[in-house]
Amino acid sequence: MLEQKDLDVLKDMMETVVKKSEISTLERMDEAIGKSESAILEKMDKAIEKSENSILDKVEKIVKRSETTISKKMDKKIIKSESLVLDEVERTRNILVSKIEKTQKDVDELKSIYRVIKMDTENTAMLLRMYDNLDNRVEKLEEKVWA
């Protein structure tokens, strides 16, 4: 059998071998875990980048679709608004044309009245001249008759 000393030496050797083995195993595991982490991180980075690009593409498509929809709706509303404005302009034009026609009719009537008044004034002036002439003639005749 082995002596205690030999057993202690064997025990120390075994502990040293186990420690070395343990350290070696831990180092290999750390290295393997490190490589695994790097690989996982790399895969995650690629997956995240791919996901971001996919999301950006989808958002871009949604924004373009939204812009198109909004543009079409705005075009429809602008056309409707233009139509309403044109209708109102036409309605206002019709009202103004009607008022202008009425005013023109009134002006024409006033011109007719003016002509009648002017002729009446001219006739009155002529009658007054005739009356003055007649009055002068009568005075001259009276002077001749009474003289």
Protein backbone atom coordinates (compact mmCIF):
# COMPACT_ATOMS: atom_id res chain seq x y z
CA MET A 1 0.00 0.00 0.00
CA LEU A 2 0.87 3.58 -0.43
CA GLU A 3 2.00 5.69 2.36
CA GLN A 4 0.32 8.84 3.48
CA LYS A 5 3.06 10.90 1.93
CA ASP A 6 2.62 9.24 -1.40
CA LEU A 7 -1.09 9.67 -1.08
CA ASP A 8 -0.60 13.35 -0.32
CA VAL A 9 1.67 13.72 -3.33
CA LEU A 10 -0.86 11.90 -5.48
CA LYS A 11 -3.59 14.02 -4.02
CA ASP A 12 -1.60 17.22 -4.76
CA MET A 13 -0.88 15.99 -8.25
CA MET A 14 -4.49 15.13 -8.78
CA GLU A 15 -5.57 18.51 -7.48
CA THR A 16 -3.03 20.20 -9.75
CA VAL A 17 -4.19 18.19 -12.75
CA VAL A 18 -7.83 18.83 -11.88
CA LYS A 19 -7.11 22.56 -11.42
CA LYS A 20 -5.23 22.71 -14.71
CA SER A 21 -8.00 20.75 -16.36
CA GLU A 22 -10.57 23.00 -14.74
CA ILE A 23 -8.70 26.16 -15.82
CA SER A 24 -8.18 24.74 -19.29
CA THR A 25 -11.84 23.77 -19.52
CA LEU A 26 -12.92 27.20 -18.24
CA GLU A 27 -10.63 28.95 -20.72
CA ARG A 28 -11.97 26.81 -23.59
CA MET A 29 -15.53 27.43 -22.40
CA ASP A 30 -14.85 31.19 -22.13
CA GLU A 31 -13.39 31.14 -25.61
CA ALA A 32 -16.28 29.07 -26.95
CA ILE A 33 -18.83 31.28 -25.18
CA GLY A 34 -17.00 34.38 -26.51
CA LYS A 35 -17.11 33.00 -30.06
CA SER A 36 -20.73 32.01 -29.58
CA GLU A 37 -21.58 35.48 -28.23
CA SER A 38 -19.77 37.11 -31.15
CA ALA A 39 -21.59 34.88 -33.61
CA ILE A 40 -24.93 35.52 -31.92
CA LEU A 41 -24.28 39.29 -31.80
CA GLU A 42 -23.27 39.27 -35.44
CA LYS A 43 -26.40 37.33 -36.39
CA MET A 44 -28.50 39.66 -34.21
CA ASP A 45 -26.92 42.73 -35.84
CA LYS A 46 -27.66 41.34 -39.30
CA ALA A 47 -31.20 40.40 -38.29
CA ILE A 48 -31.80 43.84 -36.73
CA GLU A 49 -30.37 45.59 -39.79
CA LYS A 50 -32.55 43.47 -42.07
CA SER A 51 -35.57 44.18 -39.86
CA GLU A 52 -34.82 47.92 -39.83
CA ASN A 53 -34.47 47.97 -43.61
CA SER A 54 -37.70 46.03 -43.97
CA ILE A 55 -39.50 48.40 -41.61
CA LEU A 56 -38.07 51.44 -43.41
CA ASP A 57 -39.19 50.05 -46.76
CA LYS A 58 -42.68 49.37 -45.41
CA VAL A 59 -42.90 52.82 -43.81
CA GLU A 60 -41.72 54.42 -47.06
CA LYS A 61 -44.41 52.54 -49.01
CA ILE A 62 -47.06 53.51 -46.46
CA VAL A 63 -45.96 57.16 -46.59
CA LYS A 64 -46.05 57.18 -50.40
CA ARG A 65 -49.49 55.56 -50.39
CA SER A 66 -50.66 58.07 -47.78
CA GLU A 67 -49.25 60.99 -49.80
CA THR A 68 -51.04 59.73 -52.89
CA THR A 69 -54.31 59.31 -51.01
CA ILE A 70 -54.03 62.73 -49.40
CA SER A 71 -53.12 64.30 -52.74
CA LYS A 72 -56.16 62.73 -54.41
CA LYS A 73 -58.46 63.85 -51.59
CA MET A 74 -57.02 67.37 -51.73
CA ASP A 75 -57.48 67.46 -55.51
CA LYS A 76 -61.13 66.46 -55.10
CA LYS A 77 -61.69 69.08 -52.41
CA ILE A 78 -59.92 71.77 -54.45
CA ILE A 79 -62.04 70.91 -57.49
CA LYS A 80 -65.20 71.04 -55.36
CA SER A 81 -64.09 74.36 -53.85
CA GLU A 82 -63.31 75.78 -57.30
CA SER A 83 -66.71 74.66 -58.49
CA LEU A 84 -68.40 76.36 -55.54
CA VAL A 85 -66.45 79.56 -56.15
CA LEU A 86 -67.29 79.51 -59.86
CA ASP A 87 -70.97 78.91 -59.07
CA GLU A 88 -70.95 81.85 -56.66
CA VAL A 89 -69.17 84.04 -59.22
CA GLU A 90 -71.78 83.07 -61.83
CA ARG A 91 -74.63 83.78 -59.40
CA THR A 92 -73.11 87.18 -58.53
CA ARG A 93 -72.59 87.91 -62.23
CA ASN A 94 -76.25 87.14 -62.96
CA ILE A 95 -77.36 89.43 -60.14
CA LEU A 96 -75.10 92.22 -61.39
CA VAL A 97 -76.23 91.77 -65.00
CA SER A 98 -79.84 92.01 -63.83
CA LYS A 99 -79.10 95.18 -61.86
CA ILE A 100 -77.15 96.69 -64.78
CA GLU A 101 -80.05 95.94 -67.15
CA LYS A 102 -82.50 97.56 -64.70
CA THR A 103 -80.20 100.57 -64.33
CA GLN A 104 -79.88 100.83 -68.12
CA LYS A 105 -83.65 100.70 -68.43
CA ASP A 106 -83.95 103.48 -65.84
CA VAL A 107 -81.31 105.55 -67.68
CA ASP A 108 -83.18 105.06 -70.97
CA GLU A 109 -86.41 106.14 -69.29
CA LEU A 110 -84.69 109.19 -67.81
CA LYS A 111 -83.32 110.07 -71.26
CA SER A 112 -86.84 109.91 -72.67
CA ILE A 113 -88.16 112.09 -69.86
CA TYR A 114 -85.26 114.50 -70.41
CA ARG A 115 -86.09 114.76 -74.13
CA VAL A 116 -89.73 115.44 -73.33
CA ILE A 117 -88.81 118.08 -70.74
CA LYS A 118 -86.26 119.63 -73.10
CA MET A 119 -88.85 119.82 -75.89
CA ASP A 120 -91.39 121.21 -73.43
CA THR A 121 -88.86 123.81 -72.26
CA GLU A 122 -88.05 124.73 -75.86
CA ASN A 123 -91.74 124.99 -76.69
CA THR A 124 -92.36 127.12 -73.59
CA ALA A 125 -89.44 129.39 -74.53
CA MET A 126 -90.77 129.68 -78.09
CA LEU A 127 -94.27 130.47 -76.81
CA LEU A 128 -92.81 133.12 -74.51
CA ARG A 129 -90.91 134.67 -77.43
CA MET A 130 -94.08 134.55 -79.52
CA TYR A 131 -95.99 136.14 -76.64
CA ASP A 132 -93.33 138.87 -76.31
CA ASN A 133 -93.42 139.46 -80.09
CA LEU A 134 -97.19 139.58 -80.01
CA ASP A 135 -97.12 141.88 -76.99
CA ASN A 136 -94.67 144.20 -78.81
CA ARG A 137 -96.82 144.18 -81.92
CA VAL A 138 -99.93 144.92 -79.89
CA GLU A 139 -98.13 147.79 -78.15
CA LYS A 140 -97.02 149.22 -81.51
CA LEU A 141 -100.54 148.89 -82.90
CA GLU A 142 -101.98 150.53 -79.80
CA GLU A 143 -99.50 153.38 -80.18
CA LYS A 144 -100.45 153.81 -83.83
CA VAL A 145 -104.16 153.57 -83.06
CA TRP A 146 -104.03 155.92 -80.09
CA ALA A 147 -101.53 158.28 -81.52
